[in-house]
Amino acid sequence: MSDEWDAATYDQIADPMTEWGRIVVERFSPPPRALVLDAGCGSGRVTEILLQRRPDIRLVALDGSAAMIDEARRRLSPYADRVEFAVADLSEPLPIPPVGGVLSTATFHWIHDHDAFFQHLAAVTLPGSPLCAQWGALGNLARIADRLLERGIDYHREVHFVHAHDTRRSLDAAGWDVRDVWVHEQPIVMPNDEALDRYLRTVILRPLVDRLGPDEADDLIAFVMGALPDRVLDYVRMDADATRR
């Protein structure tokens, strides 16, 4: 998942991910004074919530995008003595010291091999440490995926949405004791067409848009928006809580 984002724009429009992330942070309970990992920290908005909630911990803020890490550095500058930053591909072994907990929001669906990925996380997580995460589940953004199929574009080549039982199996096989995995619908409504266009370009359709020229990208965005007259994004989220064996 090592690729680049428009991090400044993402930071401006990431309210949904931030609010979902706030709930994940509330249930994340690493040991006192632990070093923890934010796996896919993005621009650091959820990371900041965690650092405010737990002034005792230190943190590795990791993302595959150097632009995201630059944005996170700016946001998290008041916590510079408590944060280490890393640009790394989560689909590969992680170049970080052992951590006493893993938090992640809106990231795991960008990684296609979850069996290997959860092993990479386990390799850097101390026994007894928690993992709390949320990401896109099977059925996430189904209206957009169906619309793209009309043009012969398989959105699931870009993302990895799975059943809860697949996540349970992958976590267990990688050395995690699963406390719970659950799926819930979390639709959001964009306030206007301009906001929807911006959100599609920056987040949902970013991998496709990045491979197109400007005119082709505009055409694709308009085509997808044609399937969303109500501007509703039918998000379906996967939550997982586990403990490293």
Protein backbone atom coordinates (compact mmCIF):
# COMPACT_ATOMS: atom_id res chain seq x y z
CA MET A 1 0.00 0.00 0.00
CA SER A 2 2.99 2.27 -0.46
CA ASP A 3 1.59 5.14 -2.55
CA GLU A 4 0.90 8.83 -2.44
CA TRP A 5 -2.14 10.87 -1.44
CA ASP A 6 -3.22 14.49 -1.60
CA ALA A 7 -2.64 14.69 2.13
CA ALA A 8 -3.64 18.34 2.61
CA THR A 9 -7.03 17.80 0.96
CA TYR A 10 -7.54 14.51 2.79
CA ASP A 11 -6.95 16.27 6.10
CA GLN A 12 -9.68 18.78 5.25
CA ILE A 13 -12.33 16.23 4.26
CA ALA A 14 -11.63 13.31 6.61
CA ASP A 15 -14.36 14.12 9.14
CA PRO A 16 -16.14 10.75 8.71
CA MET A 17 -12.96 8.73 9.25
CA THR A 18 -12.03 10.92 12.20
CA GLU A 19 -15.36 10.44 13.97
CA TRP A 20 -15.30 6.68 13.38
CA GLY A 21 -11.71 6.67 14.60
CA ARG A 22 -12.66 8.50 17.78
CA ILE A 23 -14.86 5.54 18.75
CA VAL A 24 -12.02 3.09 18.09
CA VAL A 25 -9.68 5.17 20.26
CA GLU A 26 -12.17 5.05 23.12
CA ARG A 27 -11.95 1.25 23.31
CA PHE A 28 -8.16 1.07 22.79
CA SER A 29 -6.44 0.31 26.12
CA PRO A 30 -2.69 -0.27 25.80
CA PRO A 31 -0.63 -0.64 28.99
CA PRO A 32 0.50 2.52 30.81
CA ARG A 33 3.49 4.26 29.21
CA ALA A 34 3.47 1.83 26.27
CA LEU A 35 4.90 2.50 22.84
CA VAL A 36 2.02 1.89 20.41
CA LEU A 37 1.57 1.82 16.64
CA ASP A 38 -0.93 3.83 14.61
CA ALA A 39 -0.96 1.65 11.49
CA GLY A 40 -1.96 3.95 8.64
CA CYS A 41 -1.97 7.24 10.53
CA GLY A 42 -2.92 9.36 7.52
CA SER A 43 -2.76 13.06 8.31
CA GLY A 44 -2.72 12.36 12.04
CA ARG A 45 -6.23 13.44 13.04
CA VAL A 46 -7.08 10.19 14.86
CA THR A 47 -3.52 9.95 16.13
CA GLU A 48 -3.97 13.33 17.79
CA ILE A 49 -7.13 12.13 19.54
CA LEU A 50 -5.23 9.15 20.94
CA LEU A 51 -2.31 11.28 22.13
CA GLN A 52 -4.71 13.65 23.89
CA ARG A 53 -6.63 10.81 25.51
CA ARG A 54 -3.50 8.97 26.67
CA PRO A 55 -0.81 11.48 27.69
CA ASP A 56 1.30 8.65 29.13
CA ILE A 57 1.95 6.75 25.89
CA ARG A 58 4.47 7.12 23.09
CA LEU A 59 3.55 6.36 19.52
CA VAL A 60 4.87 5.29 16.12
CA ALA A 61 2.84 7.07 13.43
CA LEU A 62 3.25 4.95 10.30
CA ASP A 63 1.86 5.41 6.80
CA GLY A 64 2.71 4.30 3.28
CA SER A 65 2.46 7.87 1.99
CA ALA A 66 5.31 10.32 2.60
CA ALA A 67 2.87 13.20 1.99
CA MET A 68 0.59 11.88 4.74
CA ILE A 69 3.52 11.64 7.14
CA ASP A 70 4.53 15.23 6.32
CA GLU A 71 0.97 16.36 7.09
CA ALA A 72 0.94 14.31 10.30
CA ARG A 73 4.24 15.87 11.40
CA ARG A 74 2.69 19.32 11.13
CA ARG A 75 -0.47 18.36 12.99
CA LEU A 76 1.36 16.44 15.71
CA SER A 77 4.20 18.92 16.26
CA PRO A 78 2.95 19.72 19.82
CA TYR A 79 3.56 16.04 20.67
CA ALA A 80 6.96 15.76 18.97
CA ASP A 81 8.63 14.32 22.07
CA ARG A 82 6.16 11.43 22.11
CA VAL A 83 5.90 10.51 18.42
CA GLU A 84 8.16 8.69 15.98
CA PHE A 85 7.25 8.79 12.28
CA ALA A 86 7.75 6.05 9.71
CA VAL A 87 7.00 5.77 6.00
CA ALA A 88 6.55 2.06 5.38
CA ASP A 89 4.47 -0.37 3.35
CA LEU A 90 2.08 -2.24 5.66
CA SER A 91 2.02 -5.15 3.23
CA GLU A 92 5.70 -5.80 4.06
CA PRO A 93 7.52 -6.58 7.35
CA LEU A 94 7.49 -3.44 9.49
CA PRO A 95 10.74 -1.61 10.34
CA ILE A 96 9.73 -0.54 13.85
CA PRO A 97 10.57 -1.59 17.43
CA PRO A 98 8.22 -3.86 19.43
CA VAL A 99 5.00 -2.11 20.42
CA GLY A 100 2.51 -2.58 23.24
CA GLY A 101 -0.59 -2.03 21.11
CA VAL A 102 -1.85 -1.40 17.58
CA LEU A 103 -4.52 1.11 16.55
CA SER A 104 -5.74 1.51 13.00
CA THR A 105 -8.64 3.22 11.25
CA ALA A 106 -9.67 3.34 7.57
CA THR A 107 -6.55 1.50 6.40
CA PHE A 108 -6.72 -2.30 6.31
CA HIS A 109 -8.94 -2.45 3.20
CA TRP A 110 -6.07 -1.01 1.14
CA ILE A 111 -4.02 -4.16 1.92
CA HIS A 112 -4.84 -7.24 -0.14
CA ASP A 113 -3.06 -10.07 1.69
CA HIS A 114 -4.50 -9.96 5.20
CA ASP A 115 -2.97 -13.30 6.19
CA ALA A 116 0.54 -11.91 5.71
CA PHE A 117 -0.40 -8.47 6.99
CA PHE A 118 -1.67 -9.65 10.38
CA GLN A 119 1.52 -11.70 10.70
CA HIS A 120 3.58 -8.56 10.08
CA LEU A 121 1.64 -6.78 12.83
CA ALA A 122 2.04 -9.73 15.20
CA ALA A 123 5.81 -9.78 14.60
CA VAL A 124 6.19 -6.28 16.09
CA THR A 125 3.56 -6.55 18.85
CA LEU A 126 4.37 -7.71 22.36
CA PRO A 127 2.37 -10.64 23.82
CA GLY A 128 -0.74 -9.51 25.67
CA SER A 129 -0.99 -6.26 23.71
CA PRO A 130 -4.26 -5.07 22.14
CA LEU A 131 -5.20 -4.45 18.54
CA CYS A 132 -8.20 -2.20 17.86
CA ALA A 133 -9.05 -1.40 14.26
CA GLN A 134 -11.78 -0.39 11.85
CA TRP A 135 -11.86 -0.53 8.06
CA GLY A 136 -14.13 -1.24 5.10
CA ALA A 137 -16.04 -4.56 5.15
CA LEU A 138 -17.58 -6.62 2.38
CA GLY A 139 -20.42 -4.57 0.89
CA ASN A 140 -18.64 -1.27 1.53
CA LEU A 141 -19.48 1.30 -1.17
CA ALA A 142 -21.47 -1.28 -3.14
CA ARG A 143 -23.30 1.35 -5.21
CA ILE A 144 -20.02 2.74 -6.49
CA ALA A 145 -18.58 -0.72 -7.14
CA ASP A 146 -21.69 -1.68 -9.14
CA ARG A 147 -21.52 1.55 -11.13
CA LEU A 148 -17.87 0.97 -12.00
CA LEU A 149 -18.65 -2.53 -13.24
CA GLU A 150 -20.84 -0.92 -15.91
CA ARG A 151 -17.58 0.35 -17.39
CA GLY A 152 -15.76 -2.92 -16.84
CA ILE A 153 -13.85 -1.61 -13.83
CA ASP A 154 -13.54 -4.00 -10.89
CA TYR A 155 -13.20 -1.77 -7.83
CA HIS A 156 -12.24 -4.78 -5.75
CA ARG A 157 -8.91 -4.90 -7.56
CA GLU A 158 -8.12 -1.65 -5.71
CA VAL A 159 -9.47 -2.56 -2.27
CA HIS A 160 -9.93 -5.67 -0.13
CA PHE A 161 -13.33 -5.98 1.55
CA VAL A 162 -13.98 -9.28 3.36
CA HIS A 163 -16.43 -11.08 5.66
CA ALA A 164 -16.00 -10.90 9.43
CA HIS A 165 -15.30 -14.65 9.55
CA ASP A 166 -12.37 -14.18 7.12
CA THR A 167 -10.91 -11.56 9.44
CA ARG A 168 -11.33 -13.82 12.46
CA ARG A 169 -9.54 -16.62 10.65
CA SER A 170 -6.66 -14.40 9.47
CA LEU A 171 -6.13 -12.89 12.91
CA ASP A 172 -6.22 -16.25 14.68
CA ALA A 173 -3.77 -17.83 12.23
CA ALA A 174 -1.37 -14.89 12.69
CA GLY A 175 -1.19 -15.25 16.49
CA TRP A 176 -4.00 -13.02 17.72
CA ASP A 177 -6.70 -13.98 20.22
CA VAL A 178 -9.86 -12.45 18.76
CA ARG A 179 -12.16 -10.78 21.26
CA ASP A 180 -14.69 -9.59 18.70
CA VAL A 181 -15.15 -8.81 15.02
CA TRP A 182 -18.31 -7.11 13.84
CA VAL A 183 -19.74 -5.31 10.83
CA HIS A 184 -22.10 -2.34 10.76
CA GLU A 185 -23.54 0.03 8.18
CA GLN A 186 -22.33 3.62 8.44
CA PRO A 187 -23.75 5.63 5.52
CA ILE A 188 -22.79 9.27 5.12
CA VAL A 189 -24.34 12.03 3.02
CA MET A 190 -22.22 14.56 1.18
CA PRO A 191 -23.59 18.11 1.56
CA ASN A 192 -23.35 19.03 -2.14
CA ASP A 193 -22.00 17.84 -5.49
CA GLU A 194 -18.74 19.74 -5.09
CA ALA A 195 -18.02 17.99 -1.81
CA LEU A 196 -18.91 14.61 -3.31
CA ASP A 197 -16.62 15.21 -6.30
CA ARG A 198 -13.74 16.18 -4.02
CA TYR A 199 -14.26 13.19 -1.74
CA LEU A 200 -14.45 10.71 -4.61
CA ARG A 201 -11.24 12.07 -6.16
CA THR A 202 -9.25 12.22 -2.94
CA VAL A 203 -10.39 9.07 -1.16
CA ILE A 204 -12.66 6.51 -2.78
CA LEU A 205 -11.53 6.64 -6.41
CA ARG A 206 -8.00 7.91 -5.81
CA PRO A 207 -6.19 4.82 -7.22
CA LEU A 208 -8.23 4.99 -10.42
CA VAL A 209 -8.01 8.77 -10.83
CA ASP A 210 -4.24 8.70 -10.35
CA ARG A 211 -3.89 6.49 -13.41
CA LEU A 212 -6.01 8.70 -15.67
CA GLY A 213 -5.47 11.96 -17.46
CA PRO A 214 -7.48 15.01 -16.28
CA ASP A 215 -10.27 14.67 -18.86
CA GLU A 216 -10.64 10.93 -18.30
CA ALA A 217 -10.68 11.45 -14.53
CA ASP A 218 -13.40 14.11 -14.83
CA ASP A 219 -15.45 11.77 -16.99
CA LEU A 220 -15.12 8.89 -14.52
CA ILE A 221 -16.08 11.08 -11.56
CA ALA A 222 -19.15 12.39 -13.40
CA PHE A 223 -20.14 8.85 -14.37
CA VAL A 224 -19.93 7.61 -10.77
CA MET A 225 -21.77 10.64 -9.42
CA GLY A 226 -24.60 9.80 -11.80
CA ALA A 227 -25.31 6.74 -9.65
CA LEU A 228 -25.43 8.84 -6.47
CA PRO A 229 -28.19 11.45 -6.96
CA ASP A 230 -28.84 11.44 -3.21
CA ARG A 231 -25.08 11.87 -2.53
CA VAL A 232 -25.21 8.93 -0.06
CA LEU A 233 -22.03 6.88 0.37
CA ASP A 234 -23.06 3.43 1.61
CA TYR A 235 -20.16 2.72 3.95
CA VAL A 236 -20.04 -0.66 5.72
CA ARG A 237 -17.41 -0.88 8.43
CA MET A 238 -15.52 -3.80 9.98
CA ASP A 239 -14.36 -3.49 13.59
CA ALA A 240 -11.91 -5.88 15.21
CA ASP A 241 -10.56 -6.18 18.74
CA ALA A 242 -7.86 -8.74 19.44
CA THR A 243 -4.93 -9.47 21.75
CA ARG A 244 -1.48 -10.71 20.74
CA ARG A 245 -0.91 -14.25 22.04
